[in-house]
PDB file of N, CA and C in Angstrom:
ATOM      1  N   MET A   1     -10.218   7.963   9.956  1.00  0.00           N
ATOM      2  CA  MET A   1      -8.742   7.734   9.275  1.00  0.00           C
ATOM      3  C   MET A   1      -7.913   6.921   9.889  1.00  0.00           C
ATOM      4  N   GLN A   2      -7.355   6.709  10.869  1.00  0.00           N
ATOM      5  CA  GLN A   2      -7.046   5.331  11.730  1.00  0.00           C
ATOM      6  C   GLN A   2      -6.744   4.200  11.081  1.00  0.00           C
ATOM      7  N   LEU A   3      -8.223   3.688  10.447  1.00  0.00           N
ATOM      8  CA  LEU A   3      -8.794   2.661   9.450  1.00  0.00           C
ATOM      9  C   LEU A   3      -8.174   1.763   8.559  1.00  0.00           C
ATOM     10  N   PHE A   4      -7.826   3.438   8.202  1.00  0.00           N
ATOM     11  CA  PHE A   4      -7.237   3.656   6.956  1.00  0.00           C
ATOM     12  C   PHE A   4      -6.004   3.415   6.774  1.00  0.00           C
ATOM     13  N   PHE A   5      -5.146   4.550   7.371  1.00  0.00           N
ATOM     14  CA  PHE A   5      -3.593   3.975   7.707  1.00  0.00           C
ATOM     15  C   PHE A   5      -3.586   2.636   8.668  1.00  0.00           C
ATOM     16  N   ASP A   6      -3.929   2.199   9.470  1.00  0.00           N
ATOM     17  CA  ASP A   6      -4.048   0.846   9.967  1.00  0.00           C
ATOM     18  C   ASP A   6      -4.186  -0.267   8.569  1.00  0.00           C
ATOM     19  N   ASP A   7      -5.275  -0.275   7.640  1.00  0.00           N
ATOM     20  CA  ASP A   7      -4.781  -1.087   6.293  1.00  0.00           C
ATOM     21  C   ASP A   7      -4.061  -1.125   5.398  1.00  0.00           C
ATOM     22  N   ILE A   8      -3.630   0.392   5.134  1.00  0.00           N
ATOM     23  CA  ILE A   8      -2.737   0.605   4.552  1.00  0.00           C
ATOM     24  C   ILE A   8      -1.206  -0.128   5.234  1.00  0.00           C
ATOM     25  N   LEU A   9      -1.303  -0.267   6.130  1.00  0.00           N
ATOM     26  CA  LEU A   9       0.258  -0.765   7.031  1.00  0.00           C
ATOM     27  C   LEU A   9      -0.038  -1.967   6.918  1.00  0.00           C
ATOM     28  N   LYS A  10      -1.598  -2.580   6.835  1.00  0.00           N
ATOM     29  CA  LYS A  10      -1.609  -3.888   7.319  1.00  0.00           C
ATOM     30  C   LYS A  10      -1.723  -4.959   6.322  1.00  0.00           C
ATOM     31  N   PHE A  11      -1.769  -3.752   4.563  1.00  0.00           N
ATOM     32  CA  PHE A  11      -1.234  -4.184   3.535  1.00  0.00           C
ATOM     33  C   PHE A  11      -0.224  -4.475   3.039  1.00  0.00           C
ATOM     34  N   CYS A  12       0.593  -3.822   3.336  1.00  0.00           N
ATOM     35  CA  CYS A  12       2.148  -3.470   3.263  1.00  0.00           C
ATOM     36  C   CYS A  12       2.915  -4.699   4.013  1.00  0.00           C
ATOM     37  N   GLU A  13       1.642  -5.008   5.481  1.00  0.00           N
ATOM     38  CA  GLU A  13       2.754  -5.984   5.727  1.00  0.00           C
ATOM     39  C   GLU A  13       2.491  -7.653   5.003  1.00  0.00           C
ATOM     40  N   LYS A  14       1.828  -7.322   4.395  1.00  0.00           N
ATOM     41  CA  LYS A  14       1.503  -8.382   3.988  1.00  0.00           C
ATOM     42  C   LYS A  14       1.969  -8.455   2.995  1.00  0.00           C
ATOM     43  N   VAL A  15       2.023  -7.999   1.718  1.00  0.00           N
ATOM     44  CA  VAL A  15       3.232  -7.969   0.559  1.00  0.00           C
ATOM     45  C   VAL A  15       4.093  -8.187   1.098  1.00  0.00           C
ATOM     46  N   ASP A  16       5.062  -7.823   1.901  1.00  0.00           N
ATOM     47  CA  ASP A  16       6.239  -7.954   2.542  1.00  0.00           C
ATOM     48  C   ASP A  16       6.127  -9.798   2.388  1.00  0.00           C
ATOM     49  N   ARG A  17       5.507  -9.903   3.724  1.00  0.00           N
ATOM     50  CA  ARG A  17       5.813 -10.817   4.039  1.00  0.00           C
ATOM     51  C   ARG A  17       5.138 -12.541   3.268  1.00  0.00           C
ATOM     52  N   TYR A  18       4.679 -12.228   1.792  1.00  0.00           N
ATOM     53  CA  TYR A  18       4.529 -12.819   1.221  1.00  0.00           C
ATOM     54  C   TYR A  18       5.101 -12.936  -0.085  1.00  0.00           C
ATOM     55  N   ALA A  19       6.104 -11.675  -0.565  1.00  0.00           N
ATOM     56  CA  ALA A  19       6.512 -12.127  -1.654  1.00  0.00           C
ATOM     57  C   ALA A  19       8.044 -12.834  -0.562  1.00  0.00           C
ATOM     58  N   ALA A  20       8.425 -11.931   0.384  1.00  0.00           N
ATOM     59  CA  ALA A  20       9.485 -12.999   0.728  1.00  0.00           C
ATOM     60  C   ALA A  20       9.208 -14.405   0.994  1.00  0.00           C
ATOM     61  N   SER A  21       7.936 -15.010   0.923  1.00  0.00           N
ATOM     62  CA  SER A  21       7.584 -16.513   0.947  1.00  0.00           C
ATOM     63  C   SER A  21       8.101 -17.402   0.254  1.00  0.00           C
ATOM     64  N   SER A  22       7.896 -16.372  -1.045  1.00  0.00           N
ATOM     65  CA  SER A  22       8.115 -17.011  -2.439  1.00  0.00           C
ATOM     66  C   SER A  22       9.833 -16.623  -2.836  1.00  0.00           C
ATOM     67  N   GLN A  23      10.328 -17.577  -3.512  1.00  0.00           N
ATOM     68  CA  GLN A  23      11.201 -17.930  -4.564  1.00  0.00           C
ATOM     69  C   GLN A  23      10.968 -17.498  -5.608  1.00  0.00           C
ATOM     70  N   SER A  24      10.276 -17.320  -6.091  1.00  0.00           N
ATOM     71  CA  SER A  24       9.701 -16.585  -7.407  1.00  0.00           C
ATOM     72  C   SER A  24       8.518 -16.308  -7.564  1.00  0.00           C
ATOM     73  N   LEU A  25       7.902 -15.064  -8.099  1.00  0.00           N
ATOM     74  CA  LEU A  25       6.037 -14.944  -8.076  1.00  0.00           C
ATOM     75  C   LEU A  25       6.403 -15.445  -9.430  1.00  0.00           C
ATOM     76  N   HIS A  26       7.088 -16.185 -10.121  1.00  0.00           N
ATOM     77  CA  HIS A  26       6.366 -16.434 -11.515  1.00  0.00           C
ATOM     78  C   HIS A  26       6.317 -18.336 -10.859  1.00  0.00           C
ATOM     79  N   ASN A  27       7.273 -18.981 -10.248  1.00  0.00           N
ATOM     80  CA  ASN A  27       6.147 -20.595  -9.967  1.00  0.00           C
ATOM     81  C   ASN A  27       4.810 -20.058  -8.467  1.00  0.00           C
ATOM     82  N   ASP A  28       4.744 -19.286  -8.125  1.00  0.00           N
ATOM     83  CA  ASP A  28       3.269 -19.368  -6.998  1.00  0.00           C
ATOM     84  C   ASP A  28       2.049 -18.691  -7.663  1.00  0.00           C
ATOM     85  N   GLU A  29       1.728 -19.113  -8.085  1.00  0.00           N
ATOM     86  CA  GLU A  29       0.582 -18.418  -8.352  1.00  0.00           C
ATOM     87  C   GLU A  29      -0.785 -17.602  -7.255  1.00  0.00           C
ATOM     88  N   LEU A  30      -0.348 -18.148  -6.194  1.00  0.00           N
ATOM     89  CA  LEU A  30      -1.720 -17.461  -4.917  1.00  0.00           C
ATOM     90  C   LEU A  30      -0.698 -16.533  -4.548  1.00  0.00           C
ATOM     91  N   VAL A  31       0.476 -16.896  -4.285  1.00  0.00           N
ATOM     92  CA  VAL A  31       1.371 -15.615  -4.002  1.00  0.00           C
ATOM     93  C   VAL A  31       1.261 -14.499  -4.367  1.00  0.00           C
ATOM     94  N   TYR A  32       1.308 -14.585  -6.211  1.00  0.00           N
ATOM     95  CA  TYR A  32       1.078 -12.467  -6.662  1.00  0.00           C
ATOM     96  C   TYR A  32      -0.220 -12.805  -6.587  1.00  0.00           C
ATOM     97  N   ASP A  33      -1.197 -13.553  -6.968  1.00  0.00           N
ATOM     98  CA  ASP A  33      -2.437 -12.982  -6.431  1.00  0.00           C
ATOM     99  C   ASP A  33      -2.955 -12.382  -5.645  1.00  0.00           C
ATOM    100  N   ALA A  34      -2.346 -12.660  -4.335  1.00  0.00           N
ATOM    101  CA  ALA A  34      -2.399 -12.637  -3.351  1.00  0.00           C
ATOM    102  C   ALA A  34      -1.930 -11.213  -2.963  1.00  0.00           C
ATOM    103  N   ILE A  35      -0.368 -10.999  -3.867  1.00  0.00           N
ATOM    104  CA  ILE A  35       0.548  -9.372  -3.813  1.00  0.00           C
ATOM    105  C   ILE A  35      -0.446  -8.762  -4.160  1.00  0.00           C
ATOM    106  N   LEU A  36      -1.070  -8.778  -5.441  1.00  0.00           N
ATOM    107  CA  LEU A  36      -1.691  -7.916  -6.327  1.00  0.00           C
ATOM    108  C   LEU A  36      -2.993  -7.374  -5.742  1.00  0.00           C
ATOM    109  N   ARG A  37      -3.578  -8.912  -4.912  1.00  0.00           N
ATOM    110  CA  ARG A  37      -4.833  -7.789  -4.025  1.00  0.00           C
ATOM    111  C   ARG A  37      -4.674  -6.997  -3.208  1.00  0.00           C
ATOM    112  N   ASN A  38      -3.422  -7.220  -2.593  1.00  0.00           N
ATOM    113  CA  ASN A  38      -3.045  -6.400  -1.641  1.00  0.00           C
ATOM    114  C   ASN A  38      -2.386  -4.924  -2.132  1.00  0.00           C
ATOM    115  N   LEU A  39      -2.283  -4.925  -3.005  1.00  0.00           N
ATOM    116  CA  LEU A  39      -1.184  -3.579  -3.882  1.00  0.00           C
ATOM    117  C   LEU A  39      -2.661  -2.865  -4.228  1.00  0.00           C
ATOM    118  N   GLU A  40      -3.870  -3.967  -4.052  1.00  0.00           N
ATOM    119  CA  GLU A  40      -4.746  -3.029  -5.078  1.00  0.00           C
ATOM    120  C   GLU A  40      -5.733  -2.554  -3.678  1.00  0.00           C
ATOM    121  N   LEU A  41      -5.679  -3.220  -2.619  1.00  0.00           N
ATOM    122  CA  LEU A  41      -6.409  -3.000  -1.179  1.00  0.00           C
ATOM    123  C   LEU A  41      -5.722  -1.482  -0.889  1.00  0.00           C
ATOM    124  N   ILE A  42      -4.263  -2.076  -0.940  1.00  0.00           N
ATOM    125  CA  ILE A  42      -3.471  -0.201  -0.370  1.00  0.00           C
ATOM    126  C   ILE A  42      -4.397   0.960  -1.513  1.00  0.00           C
ATOM    127  N   GLY A  43      -4.325   1.207  -2.658  1.00  0.00           N
ATOM    128  CA  GLY A  43      -5.302   1.655  -3.638  1.00  0.00           C
ATOM    129  C   GLY A  43      -6.154   2.606  -2.825  1.00  0.00           C
ATOM    130  N   GLU A  44      -7.439   0.962  -2.880  1.00  0.00           N
ATOM    131  CA  GLU A  44      -8.284   1.522  -1.755  1.00  0.00           C
ATOM    132  C   GLU A  44      -8.325   2.189  -1.074  1.00  0.00           C
ATOM    133  N   ALA A  45      -7.395   2.182   0.492  1.00  0.00           N
ATOM    134  CA  ALA A  45      -7.237   2.790   1.950  1.00  0.00           C
ATOM    135  C   ALA A  45      -6.967   3.803   1.451  1.00  0.00           C
ATOM    136  N   ALA A  46      -5.952   4.517   0.288  1.00  0.00           N
ATOM    137  CA  ALA A  46      -5.447   5.608   0.137  1.00  0.00           C
ATOM    138  C   ALA A  46      -6.374   6.628  -0.659  1.00  0.00           C
ATOM    139  N   ASN A  47      -7.156   5.908  -1.081  1.00  0.00           N
ATOM    140  CA  ASN A  47      -8.285   7.105  -2.011  1.00  0.00           C
ATOM    141  C   ASN A  47      -9.014   6.792  -0.825  1.00  0.00           C
ATOM    142  N   ARG A  48      -9.101   6.500   0.870  1.00  0.00           N
ATOM    143  CA  ARG A  48      -9.860   7.222   1.562  1.00  0.00           C
ATOM    144  C   ARG A  48      -9.243   8.039   2.537  1.00  0.00           C
ATOM    145  N   ILE A  49      -8.037   8.273   2.288  1.00  0.00           N
ATOM    146  CA  ILE A  49      -7.104   9.415   2.802  1.00  0.00           C
ATOM    147  C   ILE A  49      -7.243  10.833   3.450  1.00  0.00           C
ATOM    148  N   PRO A  50      -8.167  11.052   4.384  1.00  0.00           N
ATOM    149  CA  PRO A  50      -8.662  13.120   3.730  1.00  0.00           C
ATOM    150  C   PRO A  50      -6.892  13.638   3.037  1.00  0.00           C
ATOM    151  N   ILE A  51      -7.743  14.296   1.834  1.00  0.00           N
ATOM    152  CA  ILE A  51      -6.817  15.197   1.422  1.00  0.00           C
ATOM    153  C   ILE A  51      -5.726  16.315   2.071  1.00  0.00           C
ATOM    154  N   GLU A  52      -6.625  16.582   3.206  1.00  0.00           N
ATOM    155  CA  GLU A  52      -5.690  17.459   4.290  1.00  0.00           C
ATOM    156  C   GLU A  52      -4.576  16.489   4.899  1.00  0.00           C
ATOM    157  N   VAL A  53      -4.979  15.671   5.222  1.00  0.00           N
ATOM    158  CA  VAL A  53      -4.131  14.195   5.655  1.00  0.00           C
ATOM    159  C   VAL A  53      -2.083  14.423   4.125  1.00  0.00           C
ATOM    160  N   GLN A  54      -3.184  14.173   3.375  1.00  0.00           N
ATOM    161  CA  GLN A  54      -2.430  13.328   2.179  1.00  0.00           C
ATOM    162  C   GLN A  54      -1.097  14.671   2.041  1.00  0.00           C
ATOM    163  N   THR A  55      -1.403  15.999   1.852  1.00  0.00           N
ATOM    164  CA  THR A  55      -0.383  16.948   1.209  1.00  0.00           C
ATOM    165  C   THR A  55       0.070  17.222   2.734  1.00  0.00           C
ATOM    166  N   GLN A  56      -0.051  16.548   4.275  1.00  0.00           N
ATOM    167  CA  GLN A  56       1.125  16.393   5.101  1.00  0.00           C
ATOM    168  C   GLN A  56       1.820  15.687   4.712  1.00  0.00           C
ATOM    169  N   ILE A  57       1.689  14.948   3.888  1.00  0.00           N
ATOM    170  CA  ILE A  57       3.137  13.798   3.794  1.00  0.00           C
ATOM    171  C   ILE A  57       3.318  13.167   2.203  1.00  0.00           C
ATOM    172  N   PRO A  58       3.978  14.714   1.868  1.00  0.00           N
ATOM    173  CA  PRO A  58       4.333  15.007   0.323  1.00  0.00           C
ATOM    174  C   PRO A  58       5.507  13.992   0.386  1.00  0.00           C
ATOM    175  N   GLU A  59       6.098  13.104   0.423  1.00  0.00           N
ATOM    176  CA  GLU A  59       6.541  12.189  -0.006  1.00  0.00           C
ATOM    177  C   GLU A  59       5.765  10.943  -0.678  1.00  0.00           C
ATOM    178  N   VAL A  60       4.776  10.596  -0.456  1.00  0.00           N
ATOM    179  CA  VAL A  60       3.939   9.645   0.011  1.00  0.00           C
ATOM    180  C   VAL A  60       3.195  10.584  -1.592  1.00  0.00           C
ATOM    181  N   ASP A  61       3.293   9.472  -2.922  1.00  0.00           N
ATOM    182  CA  ASP A  61       2.733  10.032  -4.274  1.00  0.00           C
ATOM    183  C   ASP A  61       1.073   9.313  -4.414  1.00  0.00           C
ATOM    184  N   TRP A  62       0.454   9.789  -3.415  1.00  0.00           N
ATOM    185  CA  TRP A  62      -0.910   9.789  -3.465  1.00  0.00           C
ATOM    186  C   TRP A  62      -1.889   8.953  -5.298  1.00  0.00           C
ATOM    187  N   LYS A  63      -1.228  10.228  -5.909  1.00  0.00           N
ATOM    188  CA  LYS A  63      -2.143  10.138  -6.880  1.00  0.00           C
ATOM    189  C   LYS A  63      -1.245   8.991  -7.618  1.00  0.00           C
ATOM    190  N   SER A  64      -0.121   8.544  -7.868  1.00  0.00           N
ATOM    191  CA  SER A  64       0.574   7.323  -8.000  1.00  0.00           C
ATOM    192  C   SER A  64       0.380   5.655  -7.430  1.00  0.00           C
ATOM    193  N   ILE A  65      -0.518   6.112  -6.598  1.00  0.00           N
ATOM    194  CA  ILE A  65      -0.905   4.916  -5.656  1.00  0.00           C
ATOM    195  C   ILE A  65      -2.240   4.511  -6.198  1.00  0.00           C
ATOM    196  N   ARG A  66      -2.535   5.855  -6.427  1.00  0.00           N
ATOM    197  CA  ARG A  66      -4.225   5.031  -7.215  1.00  0.00           C
ATOM    198  C   ARG A  66      -4.255   4.659  -7.899  1.00  0.00           C
ATOM    199  N   GLY A  67      -3.658   5.283  -8.825  1.00  0.00           N
ATOM    200  CA  GLY A  67      -3.299   5.202 -10.615  1.00  0.00           C
ATOM    201  C   GLY A  67      -3.185   3.574 -10.531  1.00  0.00           C
ATOM    202  N   PHE A  68      -2.182   3.080  -9.897  1.00  0.00           N
ATOM    203  CA  PHE A  68      -1.203   1.813  -9.819  1.00  0.00           C
ATOM    204  C   PHE A  68      -2.694   0.615  -9.140  1.00  0.00           C
ATOM    205  N   ARG A  69      -3.165   1.636  -8.395  1.00  0.00           N
ATOM    206  CA  ARG A  69      -4.987   0.456  -7.989  1.00  0.00           C
ATOM    207  C   ARG A  69      -5.890   0.105  -9.456  1.00  0.00           C
ATOM    208  N   ASN A  70      -6.130   1.125  -9.755  1.00  0.00           N
ATOM    209  CA  ASN A  70      -6.810   1.360 -11.284  1.00  0.00           C
ATOM    210  C   ASN A  70      -6.269   0.272 -12.002  1.00  0.00           C
ATOM    211  N   TRP A  71      -4.956   0.716 -12.325  1.00  0.00           N
ATOM    212  CA  TRP A  71      -4.151   0.100 -13.444  1.00  0.00           C
ATOM    213  C   TRP A  71      -4.029  -1.508 -13.073  1.00  0.00           C
ATOM    214  N   ILE A  72      -4.460  -2.657 -11.484  1.00  0.00           N
ATOM    215  CA  ILE A  72      -4.118  -3.609 -11.556  1.00  0.00           C
ATOM    216  C   ILE A  72      -5.581  -3.661 -11.656  1.00  0.00           C
ATOM    217  N   ALA A  73      -6.283  -3.353 -11.083  1.00  0.00           N
ATOM    218  CA  ALA A  73      -7.921  -3.519 -10.625  1.00  0.00           C
ATOM    219  C   ALA A  73      -8.658  -3.544 -12.335  1.00  0.00           C
ATOM    220  N   HIS A  74      -7.829  -2.347 -13.485  1.00  0.00           N
ATOM    221  CA  HIS A  74      -8.843  -2.676 -14.659  1.00  0.00           C
ATOM    222  C   HIS A  74      -7.591  -3.238 -15.885  1.00  0.00           C
ATOM    223  N   GLY A  75      -6.425  -3.184 -15.701  1.00  0.00           N
ATOM    224  CA  GLY A  75      -5.661  -3.920 -16.479  1.00  0.00           C
ATOM    225  C   GLY A  75      -4.501  -4.925 -16.725  1.00  0.00           C
ATOM    226  N   TYR A  76      -5.502  -5.843 -16.314  1.00  0.00           N
ATOM    227  CA  TYR A  76      -4.572  -6.818 -15.134  1.00  0.00           C
ATOM    228  C   TYR A  76      -3.963  -7.310 -16.036  1.00  0.00           C
ATOM    229  N   PHE A  77      -4.036  -7.606 -17.271  1.00  0.00           N
ATOM    230  CA  PHE A  77      -3.347  -8.693 -18.137  1.00  0.00           C
ATOM    231  C   PHE A  77      -2.205  -7.926 -18.903  1.00  0.00           C
ATOM    232  N   ARG A  78      -2.339  -6.352 -18.775  1.00  0.00           N
ATOM    233  CA  ARG A  78      -1.039  -6.109 -19.500  1.00  0.00           C
ATOM    234  C   ARG A  78      -0.262  -5.550 -17.949  1.00  0.00           C
ATOM    235  N   LEU A  79      -0.148  -6.291 -17.103  1.00  0.00           N
ATOM    236  CA  LEU A  79       1.074  -5.716 -15.893  1.00  0.00           C
ATOM    237  C   LEU A  79       2.045  -6.176 -15.967  1.00  0.00           C
ATOM    238  N   SER A  80       3.114  -5.306 -15.907  1.00  0.00           N
ATOM    239  CA  SER A  80       4.549  -5.248 -15.934  1.00  0.00           C
ATOM    240  C   SER A  80       4.895  -6.087 -14.823  1.00  0.00           C
ATOM    241  N   GLU A  81       6.096  -7.207 -15.010  1.00  0.00           N
ATOM    242  CA  GLU A  81       6.802  -7.549 -13.592  1.00  0.00           C
ATOM    243  C   GLU A  81       7.918  -6.641 -12.914  1.00  0.00           C
ATOM    244  N   ASP A  82       8.685  -5.839 -13.792  1.00  0.00           N
ATOM    245  CA  ASP A  82       9.239  -4.944 -13.427  1.00  0.00           C
ATOM    246  C   ASP A  82       8.370  -3.563 -12.454  1.00  0.00           C
ATOM    247  N   ILE A  83       7.600  -3.479 -13.057  1.00  0.00           N
ATOM    248  CA  ILE A  83       7.113  -2.604 -12.373  1.00  0.00           C
ATOM    249  C   ILE A  83       6.507  -2.932 -10.514  1.00  0.00           C
ATOM    250  N   ILE A  84       5.955  -4.468 -10.688  1.00  0.00           N
ATOM    251  CA  ILE A  84       5.271  -5.344  -9.918  1.00  0.00           C
ATOM    252  C   ILE A  84       6.602  -5.613  -9.018  1.00  0.00           C
ATOM    253  N   MET A  85       7.661  -5.493  -9.334  1.00  0.00           N
ATOM    254  CA  MET A  85       8.802  -6.078  -8.046  1.00  0.00           C
ATOM    255  C   MET A  85       9.127  -4.390  -8.064  1.00  0.00           C
ATOM    256  N   ASP A  86       9.251  -3.389  -8.588  1.00  0.00           N
ATOM    257  CA  ASP A  86       9.172  -2.325  -8.410  1.00  0.00           C
ATOM    258  C   ASP A  86       8.588  -1.616  -7.327  1.00  0.00           C
ATOM    259  N   ALA A  87       6.922  -2.168  -7.032  1.00  0.00           N
ATOM    260  CA  ALA A  87       6.421  -1.820  -5.746  1.00  0.00           C
ATOM    261  C   ALA A  87       6.384  -2.874  -4.882  1.00  0.00           C
ATOM    262  N   ILE A  88       6.741  -4.007  -4.775  1.00  0.00           N
ATOM    263  CA  ILE A  88       6.925  -4.187  -3.783  1.00  0.00           C
ATOM    264  C   ILE A  88       7.674  -4.602  -3.514  1.00  0.00           C
ATOM    265  N   GLN A  89       9.564  -4.161  -3.811  1.00  0.00           N
ATOM    266  CA  GLN A  89      11.152  -3.719  -3.250  1.00  0.00           C
ATOM    267  C   GLN A  89      10.834  -2.585  -2.841  1.00  0.00           C
ATOM    268  N   GLN A  90      10.399  -1.661  -3.805  1.00  0.00           N
ATOM    269  CA  GLN A  90      10.812   0.055  -3.281  1.00  0.00           C
ATOM    270  C   GLN A  90       9.786   0.841  -2.521  1.00  0.00           C
ATOM    271  N   LYS A  91       8.501   0.504  -3.503  1.00  0.00           N
ATOM    272  CA  LYS A  91       7.184   1.305  -3.282  1.00  0.00           C
ATOM    273  C   LYS A  91       6.869   0.673  -1.496  1.00  0.00           C
ATOM    274  N   VAL A  92       6.266  -0.317  -1.709  1.00  0.00           N
ATOM    275  CA  VAL A  92       5.317  -0.457  -0.423  1.00  0.00           C
ATOM    276  C   VAL A  92       6.379  -0.489   0.463  1.00  0.00           C
ATOM    277  N   PRO A  93       8.010  -0.530   0.985  1.00  0.00           N
ATOM    278  CA  PRO A  93       8.249  -0.466   2.262  1.00  0.00           C
ATOM    279  C   PRO A  93       8.261   0.957   2.653  1.00  0.00           C
ATOM    280  N   GLU A  94       8.959   1.594   1.100  1.00  0.00           N
ATOM    281  CA  GLU A  94       8.453   3.755   1.576  1.00  0.00           C
ATOM    282  C   GLU A  94       7.635   3.558   1.606  1.00  0.00           C
ATOM    283  N   LEU A  95       6.804   3.237   1.766  1.00  0.00           N
ATOM    284  CA  LEU A  95       4.851   4.113   2.042  1.00  0.00           C
ATOM    285  C   LEU A  95       5.349   3.433   3.905  1.00  0.00           C
ATOM    286  N   SER A  96       5.017   2.253   3.506  1.00  0.00           N
ATOM    287  CA  SER A  96       5.140   1.684   4.953  1.00  0.00           C
ATOM    288  C   SER A  96       5.613   3.074   5.777  1.00  0.00           C
ATOM    289  N   ILE A  97       7.112   3.389   5.776  1.00  0.00           N
ATOM    290  CA  ILE A  97       7.740   4.312   6.637  1.00  0.00           C
ATOM    291  C   ILE A  97       7.311   5.287   6.861  1.00  0.00           C
ATOM    292  N   ARG A  98       7.230   6.143   5.460  1.00  0.00           N
ATOM    293  CA  ARG A  98       6.140   7.266   5.587  1.00  0.00           C
ATOM    294  C   ARG A  98       5.534   7.107   6.390  1.00  0.00           C
ATOM    295  N   LEU A  99       4.224   6.022   6.453  1.00  0.00           N
ATOM    296  CA  LEU A  99       3.406   6.117   7.085  1.00  0.00           C
ATOM    297  C   LEU A  99       3.294   6.165   8.271  1.00  0.00           C
ATOM    298  N   MET A 100       4.459   5.075   8.596  1.00  0.00           N
ATOM    299  CA  MET A 100       4.878   4.677  10.268  1.00  0.00           C
ATOM    300  C   MET A 100       5.615   6.160  10.615  1.00  0.00           C
ATOM    301  N   GLU A 101       6.010   6.684  10.566  1.00  0.00           N
ATOM    302  CA  GLU A 101       6.687   8.686  10.473  1.00  0.00           C
ATOM    303  C   GLU A 101       5.499   9.714  10.262  1.00  0.00           C
ATOM    304  N   PHE A 102       4.663   9.118   9.861  1.00  0.00           N
ATOM    305  CA  PHE A 102       3.926   9.897  10.106  1.00  0.00           C
ATOM    306  C   PHE A 102       2.817  10.360  11.174  1.00  0.00           C
ATOM    307  N   ARG A 103       2.343   8.761  11.975  1.00  0.00           N
ATOM    308  CA  ARG A 103       1.658   8.442  12.545  1.00  0.00           C
ATOM    309  C   ARG A 103       2.183   8.722  14.090  1.00  0.00           C
ATOM    310  N   ARG A 104       3.417   8.298  14.227  1.00  0.00           N
ATOM    311  CA  ARG A 104       4.204   8.571  15.049  1.00  0.00           C
ATOM    312  C   ARG A 104       4.642  10.210  15.661  1.00  0.00           C
ATOM    313  N   ASP A 105       4.301  10.758  14.478  1.00  0.00           N
ATOM    314  CA  ASP A 105       4.801  12.033  14.685  1.00  0.00           C
ATOM    315  C   ASP A 105       3.344  13.248  14.751  1.00  0.00           C
ATOM    316  N   ASN A 106       2.280  12.942  14.761  1.00  0.00           N
ATOM    317  CA  ASN A 106       1.019  12.832  14.959  1.00  0.00           C
ATOM    318  C   ASN A 106       0.221  11.922  15.707  1.00  0.00           C
ATOM    319  N   GLU A 107       0.601  11.755  17.129  1.00  0.00           N
ATOM    320  CA  GLU A 107       0.018  10.879  17.635  1.00  0.00           C
ATOM    321  C   GLU A 107      -1.340  11.155  17.864  1.00  0.00           C
ATOM    322  N   SER A 108      -1.920  12.677  17.813  1.00  0.00           N
ATOM    323  CA  SER A 108      -3.055  12.917  18.317  1.00  0.00           C
ATOM    324  C   SER A 108      -4.236  12.274  17.849  1.00  0.00           C
ATOM    325  N   LEU A 109      -4.063  12.921  15.924  1.00  0.00           N
ATOM    326  CA  LEU A 109      -4.529  12.200  15.727  1.00  0.00           C
ATOM    327  C   LEU A 109      -5.173  10.923  14.801  1.00  0.00           C
ATOM    328  N   PHE A 110      -4.397  10.735  15.937  1.00  0.00           N
ATOM    329  CA  PHE A 110      -4.947   8.157  15.830  1.00  0.00           C
ATOM    330  C   PHE A 110      -5.157   8.300  17.451  1.00  0.00           C
ATOM    331  N   ALA A 111      -5.228   9.109  18.228  1.00  0.00           N
ATOM    332  CA  ALA A 111      -5.795   8.825  19.676  1.00  0.00           C
ATOM    333  C   ALA A 111      -7.049   8.353  19.183  1.00  0.00           C
ATOM    334  N   ASP A 112      -7.791   7.548  20.563  1.00  0.00           N
ATOM    335  CA  ASP A 112      -9.345   6.488  20.394  1.00  0.00           C
ATOM    336  C   ASP A 112     -10.172   7.719  20.684  1.00  0.00           C
ATOM    337  N   VAL A 113     -10.958   7.546  19.872  1.00  0.00           N
ATOM    338  CA  VAL A 113     -12.601   8.242  20.085  1.00  0.00           C
ATOM    339  C   VAL A 113     -13.376   8.063  20.806  1.00  0.00           C
ATOM    340  N   PRO A 114     -13.600   8.703  22.320  1.00  0.00           N
ATOM    341  CA  PRO A 114     -14.409   8.224  22.925  1.00  0.00           C
ATOM    342  C   PRO A 114     -16.067   7.536  22.424  1.00  0.00           C
ATOM    343  N   ALA A 115     -16.899   6.596  22.882  1.00  0.00           N
ATOM    344  CA  ALA A 115     -17.657   5.253  22.339  1.00  0.00           C
ATOM    345  C   ALA A 115     -18.712   7.032  22.625  1.00  0.00           C
TER     346      ALA A 115
END
């Protein structure tokens, strides 16, 4: 589970960093594509968080995250800029905060497993 939490947090950070580096997503195709890919990867990793853990973080809409991933992966030509911008500006930062809070409050779940 630690791996998937770390992945989601890393992907969230990348979305934030890439979006901050671009004046307009319309003008920077590489940044836009990189953001979409990381949003998709957030959904992939979220799908691997155990349901028992997901229920402990009810503020996160896990079903919508998975659905958003599917929407990006399978409906690319129908992507709404408003929805993408909402994800970048609202949803991703909120997800990151919620996961960091859960991690902080449940450190024992993230302890390194001895080899």
